[in-house]
Amino acid sequence: VQLVESGGGLVQPGGSLKISCTISGFTSDIYYMTWDRQAPGKEREFVAGISTYGGTTNYEDSQKGRFTISRDSAKNTVYLQMSSLKPEDTAVYYCNARLLNGSDYWGQGTQVIVSS
């Protein structure tokens, strides 16, 4: 399984950004996808997750209402729509795929910078 994130960049505070994670390989074995992020000097943290069976979503409490995770099965892509962005949202955002055999995979990350 290979994951490739894209769509990161520089956005002003209060702005919006949509990042993508394109998946290739044994995608049928994936049961859960997440977006995590790592800010400079901090540990990687969970942002949002989505089940590939049924589409149930989960969010870290502080992201509820600002971030939306979604998936397009036909395109093998998972998205994270971010709005009302704050400087503290600045981080490298990583896509993660969890497989039925217990393994998981990470992408290389995409940088999001929220600054005026």
N, C-alpha and C. Protein backbone atom coordinates (compact mmCIF):
# COMPACT_ATOMS: atom_id res chain seq x y z
N VAL A 1 0.85 -1.19 0.00
CA VAL A 1 0.00 0.00 0.00
C VAL A 1 0.89 1.24 0.00
N GLN A 2 0.59 2.17 -0.90
CA GLN A 2 1.32 3.44 -0.97
C GLN A 2 0.33 4.58 -0.78
N LEU A 3 0.76 5.56 0.01
CA LEU A 3 -0.07 6.73 0.29
C LEU A 3 0.70 7.97 -0.15
N VAL A 4 0.02 8.85 -0.88
CA VAL A 4 0.65 10.09 -1.32
C VAL A 4 -0.27 11.25 -0.97
N GLU A 5 0.21 12.11 -0.07
CA GLU A 5 -0.54 13.30 0.32
C GLU A 5 -0.22 14.45 -0.62
N SER A 6 -1.18 15.34 -0.77
CA SER A 6 -0.97 16.53 -1.59
C SER A 6 -1.94 17.61 -1.14
N GLY A 7 -1.69 18.83 -1.62
CA GLY A 7 -2.61 19.93 -1.37
C GLY A 7 -2.22 20.87 -0.25
N GLY A 8 -1.12 20.58 0.43
CA GLY A 8 -0.68 21.48 1.49
C GLY A 8 -0.17 22.80 0.93
N GLY A 9 0.03 23.76 1.83
CA GLY A 9 0.53 25.05 1.40
C GLY A 9 0.38 26.09 2.46
N LEU A 10 0.51 27.34 2.04
CA LEU A 10 0.40 28.49 2.94
C LEU A 10 -1.01 29.05 2.85
N VAL A 11 -1.64 29.25 4.00
CA VAL A 11 -2.99 29.81 4.05
C VAL A 11 -3.06 30.81 5.19
N GLN A 12 -3.86 31.83 5.01
CA GLN A 12 -4.00 32.85 6.05
C GLN A 12 -4.90 32.37 7.17
N PRO A 13 -4.71 32.89 8.37
CA PRO A 13 -5.62 32.54 9.47
C PRO A 13 -7.06 32.82 9.08
N GLY A 14 -7.94 31.90 9.43
CA GLY A 14 -9.34 32.00 9.07
C GLY A 14 -9.67 31.40 7.71
N GLY A 15 -8.65 31.03 6.97
CA GLY A 15 -8.85 30.49 5.64
C GLY A 15 -9.16 29.00 5.65
N SER A 16 -9.29 28.46 4.44
CA SER A 16 -9.63 27.04 4.27
C SER A 16 -8.62 26.38 3.36
N LEU A 17 -8.52 25.07 3.51
CA LEU A 17 -7.62 24.29 2.68
C LEU A 17 -8.12 22.86 2.65
N LYS A 18 -7.99 22.21 1.50
CA LYS A 18 -8.39 20.81 1.37
C LYS A 18 -7.18 20.01 0.94
N ILE A 19 -6.79 19.04 1.74
CA ILE A 19 -5.67 18.18 1.40
C ILE A 19 -6.17 16.78 1.04
N SER A 20 -5.36 16.10 0.24
CA SER A 20 -5.78 14.81 -0.30
C SER A 20 -4.75 13.73 0.00
N CYS A 21 -5.24 12.49 0.04
CA CYS A 21 -4.37 11.33 0.21
C CYS A 21 -4.81 10.29 -0.82
N THR A 22 -3.95 10.03 -1.78
CA THR A 22 -4.27 9.05 -2.82
C THR A 22 -3.62 7.72 -2.46
N ILE A 23 -4.41 6.67 -2.55
CA ILE A 23 -3.99 5.35 -2.08
C ILE A 23 -3.83 4.40 -3.27
N SER A 24 -2.78 3.60 -3.26
CA SER A 24 -2.59 2.58 -4.29
C SER A 24 -2.12 1.30 -3.62
N GLY A 25 -2.26 0.20 -4.34
CA GLY A 25 -1.87 -1.09 -3.79
C GLY A 25 -3.08 -1.89 -3.37
N PHE A 26 -2.96 -2.69 -2.30
CA PHE A 26 -4.04 -3.56 -1.85
C PHE A 26 -5.06 -2.76 -1.04
N THR A 27 -5.76 -1.90 -1.72
CA THR A 27 -6.69 -0.99 -1.05
C THR A 27 -7.87 -1.72 -0.45
N SER A 28 -8.21 -2.90 -0.96
CA SER A 28 -9.36 -3.62 -0.44
C SER A 28 -9.13 -4.13 0.98
N ASP A 29 -7.87 -4.17 1.42
CA ASP A 29 -7.55 -4.63 2.77
C ASP A 29 -7.57 -3.53 3.81
N ILE A 30 -7.83 -2.30 3.38
CA ILE A 30 -7.84 -1.16 4.30
C ILE A 30 -9.21 -1.05 4.95
N TYR A 31 -9.25 -0.96 6.29
CA TYR A 31 -10.53 -0.81 6.97
C TYR A 31 -10.70 0.55 7.64
N TYR A 32 -9.60 1.28 7.80
CA TYR A 32 -9.69 2.58 8.49
C TYR A 32 -8.58 3.48 7.99
N MET A 33 -8.91 4.75 7.78
CA MET A 33 -7.95 5.75 7.34
C MET A 33 -7.97 6.90 8.33
N THR A 34 -6.82 7.47 8.58
CA THR A 34 -6.75 8.64 9.45
C THR A 34 -5.89 9.73 8.83
N TRP A 35 -6.13 10.94 9.30
CA TRP A 35 -5.23 12.07 9.14
C TRP A 35 -4.65 12.36 10.52
N ASP A 36 -3.34 12.47 10.58
CA ASP A 36 -2.64 12.86 11.78
C ASP A 36 -1.75 14.05 11.41
N ARG A 37 -1.27 14.75 12.42
CA ARG A 37 -0.40 15.87 12.13
C ARG A 37 0.71 15.96 13.17
N GLN A 38 1.79 16.58 12.75
CA GLN A 38 2.91 16.79 13.66
C GLN A 38 3.43 18.20 13.49
N ALA A 39 3.30 18.98 14.54
CA ALA A 39 3.81 20.34 14.55
C ALA A 39 5.27 20.33 15.01
N PRO A 40 6.02 21.37 14.66
CA PRO A 40 7.43 21.42 15.05
C PRO A 40 7.60 21.27 16.56
N GLY A 41 8.46 20.36 16.97
CA GLY A 41 8.74 20.17 18.38
C GLY A 41 7.68 19.43 19.15
N LYS A 42 6.66 18.93 18.46
CA LYS A 42 5.57 18.22 19.14
C LYS A 42 5.43 16.80 18.60
N GLU A 43 4.71 15.98 19.35
CA GLU A 43 4.46 14.62 18.91
C GLU A 43 3.35 14.60 17.87
N ARG A 44 3.37 13.55 17.07
CA ARG A 44 2.30 13.38 16.08
C ARG A 44 0.98 13.13 16.82
N GLU A 45 -0.10 13.74 16.32
CA GLU A 45 -1.39 13.60 16.97
C GLU A 45 -2.48 13.28 15.96
N PHE A 46 -3.48 12.57 16.45
CA PHE A 46 -4.64 12.21 15.64
C PHE A 46 -5.48 13.45 15.35
N VAL A 47 -5.96 13.54 14.11
CA VAL A 47 -6.83 14.65 13.71
C VAL A 47 -8.23 14.13 13.39
N ALA A 48 -8.30 13.14 12.49
CA ALA A 48 -9.60 12.63 12.07
C ALA A 48 -9.43 11.24 11.46
N GLY A 49 -10.51 10.45 11.52
CA GLY A 49 -10.48 9.11 10.95
C GLY A 49 -11.78 8.77 10.27
N ILE A 50 -11.71 7.83 9.33
CA ILE A 50 -12.91 7.41 8.61
C ILE A 50 -12.83 5.92 8.32
N SER A 51 -13.95 5.23 8.57
CA SER A 51 -14.02 3.81 8.28
C SER A 51 -14.29 3.61 6.79
N THR A 52 -13.60 2.67 6.20
CA THR A 52 -13.84 2.39 4.79
C THR A 52 -15.10 1.54 4.60
N TYR A 53 -15.59 0.94 5.69
CA TYR A 53 -16.84 0.19 5.63
C TYR A 53 -17.92 1.00 6.33
N GLY A 54 -18.71 1.70 5.59
CA GLY A 54 -19.80 2.48 6.16
C GLY A 54 -19.50 3.96 6.29
N GLY A 55 -18.23 4.35 6.30
CA GLY A 55 -17.89 5.76 6.29
C GLY A 55 -18.02 6.47 7.62
N THR A 56 -18.05 5.72 8.74
CA THR A 56 -18.12 6.37 10.05
C THR A 56 -16.89 7.23 10.27
N THR A 57 -17.11 8.45 10.77
CA THR A 57 -16.01 9.39 10.99
C THR A 57 -15.78 9.66 12.47
N ASN A 58 -14.55 10.00 12.79
CA ASN A 58 -14.16 10.35 14.16
C ASN A 58 -13.23 11.54 14.08
N TYR A 59 -13.32 12.41 15.08
CA TYR A 59 -12.49 13.60 15.11
C TYR A 59 -11.90 13.82 16.49
N GLU A 60 -10.71 14.39 16.50
CA GLU A 60 -10.15 14.89 17.75
C GLU A 60 -11.06 16.04 18.17
N ASP A 61 -11.34 16.15 19.45
CA ASP A 61 -12.37 17.08 19.93
C ASP A 61 -12.18 18.50 19.43
N SER A 62 -10.96 18.99 19.39
CA SER A 62 -10.75 20.39 19.02
C SER A 62 -10.96 20.64 17.53
N GLN A 63 -11.06 19.55 16.73
CA GLN A 63 -11.24 19.73 15.29
C GLN A 63 -12.70 19.66 14.86
N LYS A 64 -13.55 19.17 15.76
CA LYS A 64 -14.96 19.03 15.40
C LYS A 64 -15.55 20.37 14.98
N GLY A 65 -16.21 20.35 13.84
CA GLY A 65 -16.84 21.56 13.32
C GLY A 65 -15.94 22.37 12.42
N ARG A 66 -14.62 22.15 12.47
CA ARG A 66 -13.70 22.89 11.60
C ARG A 66 -13.14 21.99 10.49
N PHE A 67 -12.91 20.73 10.82
CA PHE A 67 -12.32 19.80 9.86
C PHE A 67 -13.34 18.74 9.46
N THR A 68 -13.28 18.33 8.21
CA THR A 68 -14.15 17.26 7.72
C THR A 68 -13.33 16.26 6.93
N ILE A 69 -13.40 15.01 7.33
CA ILE A 69 -12.73 13.94 6.59
C ILE A 69 -13.75 13.26 5.69
N SER A 70 -13.33 12.93 4.48
CA SER A 70 -14.23 12.26 3.55
C SER A 70 -13.41 11.35 2.63
N ARG A 71 -14.10 10.53 1.88
CA ARG A 71 -13.40 9.62 0.97
C ARG A 71 -14.15 9.49 -0.33
N ASP A 72 -13.40 9.24 -1.39
CA ASP A 72 -13.97 8.95 -2.69
C ASP A 72 -13.43 7.60 -3.09
N SER A 73 -14.23 6.56 -2.91
CA SER A 73 -13.77 5.20 -3.16
C SER A 73 -13.38 4.99 -4.62
N ALA A 74 -14.10 5.63 -5.52
CA ALA A 74 -13.81 5.46 -6.95
C ALA A 74 -12.43 6.00 -7.30
N LYS A 75 -12.00 7.02 -6.58
CA LYS A 75 -10.70 7.64 -6.83
C LYS A 75 -9.64 7.16 -5.86
N ASN A 76 -10.01 6.26 -4.94
CA ASN A 76 -9.08 5.79 -3.91
C ASN A 76 -8.39 6.96 -3.22
N THR A 77 -9.19 7.91 -2.82
CA THR A 77 -8.66 9.14 -2.23
C THR A 77 -9.43 9.49 -0.97
N VAL A 78 -8.70 9.93 0.03
CA VAL A 78 -9.28 10.45 1.26
C VAL A 78 -8.90 11.93 1.37
N TYR A 79 -9.85 12.74 1.81
CA TYR A 79 -9.65 14.18 1.87
C TYR A 79 -9.77 14.66 3.32
N LEU A 80 -9.16 15.80 3.56
CA LEU A 80 -9.38 16.52 4.81
C LEU A 80 -9.65 17.98 4.45
N GLN A 81 -10.90 18.37 4.62
CA GLN A 81 -11.28 19.77 4.40
C GLN A 81 -11.11 20.51 5.71
N MET A 82 -10.30 21.56 5.69
CA MET A 82 -10.02 22.33 6.90
C MET A 82 -10.50 23.75 6.71
N SER A 83 -11.21 24.27 7.70
CA SER A 83 -11.70 25.63 7.63
C SER A 83 -11.40 26.35 8.94
N SER A 84 -11.59 27.65 8.93
CA SER A 84 -11.30 28.48 10.11
C SER A 84 -9.92 28.14 10.67
N LEU A 85 -8.96 28.07 9.79
CA LEU A 85 -7.62 27.63 10.19
C LEU A 85 -6.96 28.65 11.11
N LYS A 86 -6.18 28.10 12.04
CA LYS A 86 -5.49 28.91 13.03
C LYS A 86 -3.99 28.66 12.89
N PRO A 87 -3.17 29.60 13.36
CA PRO A 87 -1.72 29.37 13.30
C PRO A 87 -1.29 28.06 13.98
N GLU A 88 -2.02 27.67 15.01
CA GLU A 88 -1.65 26.43 15.71
C GLU A 88 -2.01 25.17 14.92
N ASP A 89 -2.67 25.33 13.77
CA ASP A 89 -2.91 24.20 12.88
C ASP A 89 -1.71 23.93 11.98
N THR A 90 -0.72 24.81 12.05
CA THR A 90 0.50 24.61 11.25
C THR A 90 1.17 23.31 11.65
N ALA A 91 1.41 22.45 10.66
CA ALA A 91 1.98 21.13 10.93
C ALA A 91 2.19 20.40 9.61
N VAL A 92 2.89 19.29 9.69
CA VAL A 92 2.91 18.35 8.58
C VAL A 92 1.77 17.38 8.80
N TYR A 93 0.92 17.24 7.80
CA TYR A 93 -0.25 16.38 7.90
C TYR A 93 0.04 15.07 7.18
N TYR A 94 -0.20 13.98 7.91
CA TYR A 94 0.10 12.64 7.40
C TYR A 94 -1.18 11.82 7.25
N CYS A 95 -1.18 11.01 6.23
CA CYS A 95 -2.27 10.07 5.98
C CYS A 95 -1.83 8.69 6.45
N ASN A 96 -2.76 7.97 7.09
CA ASN A 96 -2.45 6.63 7.59
C ASN A 96 -3.52 5.65 7.16
N ALA A 97 -3.09 4.45 6.77
CA ALA A 97 -4.04 3.40 6.39
C ALA A 97 -3.82 2.18 7.28
N ARG A 98 -4.91 1.66 7.83
CA ARG A 98 -4.83 0.47 8.68
C ARG A 98 -5.44 -0.70 7.94
N LEU A 99 -4.70 -1.82 7.93
CA LEU A 99 -5.14 -2.98 7.17
C LEU A 99 -5.68 -4.08 8.07
N LEU A 100 -6.47 -4.95 7.49
CA LEU A 100 -7.09 -6.04 8.23
C LEU A 100 -6.07 -6.98 8.86
N ASN A 101 -4.86 -7.06 8.31
CA ASN A 101 -3.83 -7.96 8.87
C ASN A 101 -3.07 -7.33 10.03
N GLY A 102 -3.46 -6.12 10.43
CA GLY A 102 -2.84 -5.47 11.57
C GLY A 102 -1.74 -4.49 11.22
N SER A 103 -1.33 -4.45 9.98
CA SER A 103 -0.28 -3.51 9.58
C SER A 103 -0.88 -2.15 9.27
N ASP A 104 -0.01 -1.15 9.27
CA ASP A 104 -0.47 0.17 8.86
C ASP A 104 0.62 0.86 8.07
N TYR A 105 0.20 1.82 7.26
CA TYR A 105 1.10 2.53 6.36
C TYR A 105 0.90 4.03 6.50
N TRP A 106 2.02 4.76 6.29
CA TRP A 106 2.00 6.22 6.35
C TRP A 106 2.46 6.80 5.03
N GLY A 107 1.93 7.97 4.71
CA GLY A 107 2.44 8.72 3.59
C GLY A 107 3.61 9.57 4.03
N GLN A 108 4.13 10.37 3.10
CA GLN A 108 5.31 11.18 3.39
C GLN A 108 4.95 12.52 4.04
N GLY A 109 3.66 12.85 4.03
CA GLY A 109 3.20 14.08 4.66
C GLY A 109 3.11 15.25 3.70
N THR A 110 2.25 16.19 4.07
CA THR A 110 2.13 17.44 3.31
C THR A 110 2.12 18.59 4.31
N GLN A 111 2.89 19.62 4.03
CA GLN A 111 3.07 20.73 4.97
C GLN A 111 1.91 21.73 4.84
N VAL A 112 1.34 22.08 5.97
CA VAL A 112 0.33 23.14 6.02
C VAL A 112 0.86 24.24 6.93
N ILE A 113 0.91 25.46 6.42
CA ILE A 113 1.38 26.61 7.20
C ILE A 113 0.25 27.63 7.24
N VAL A 114 -0.15 27.99 8.44
CA VAL A 114 -1.19 28.99 8.62
C VAL A 114 -0.52 30.25 9.17
N SER A 115 -0.45 31.25 8.33
CA SER A 115 0.27 32.47 8.71
C SER A 115 -0.18 33.63 7.85
N SER A 116 -0.15 34.81 8.43
CA SER A 116 -0.45 36.00 7.66
C SER A 116 0.81 36.61 7.10
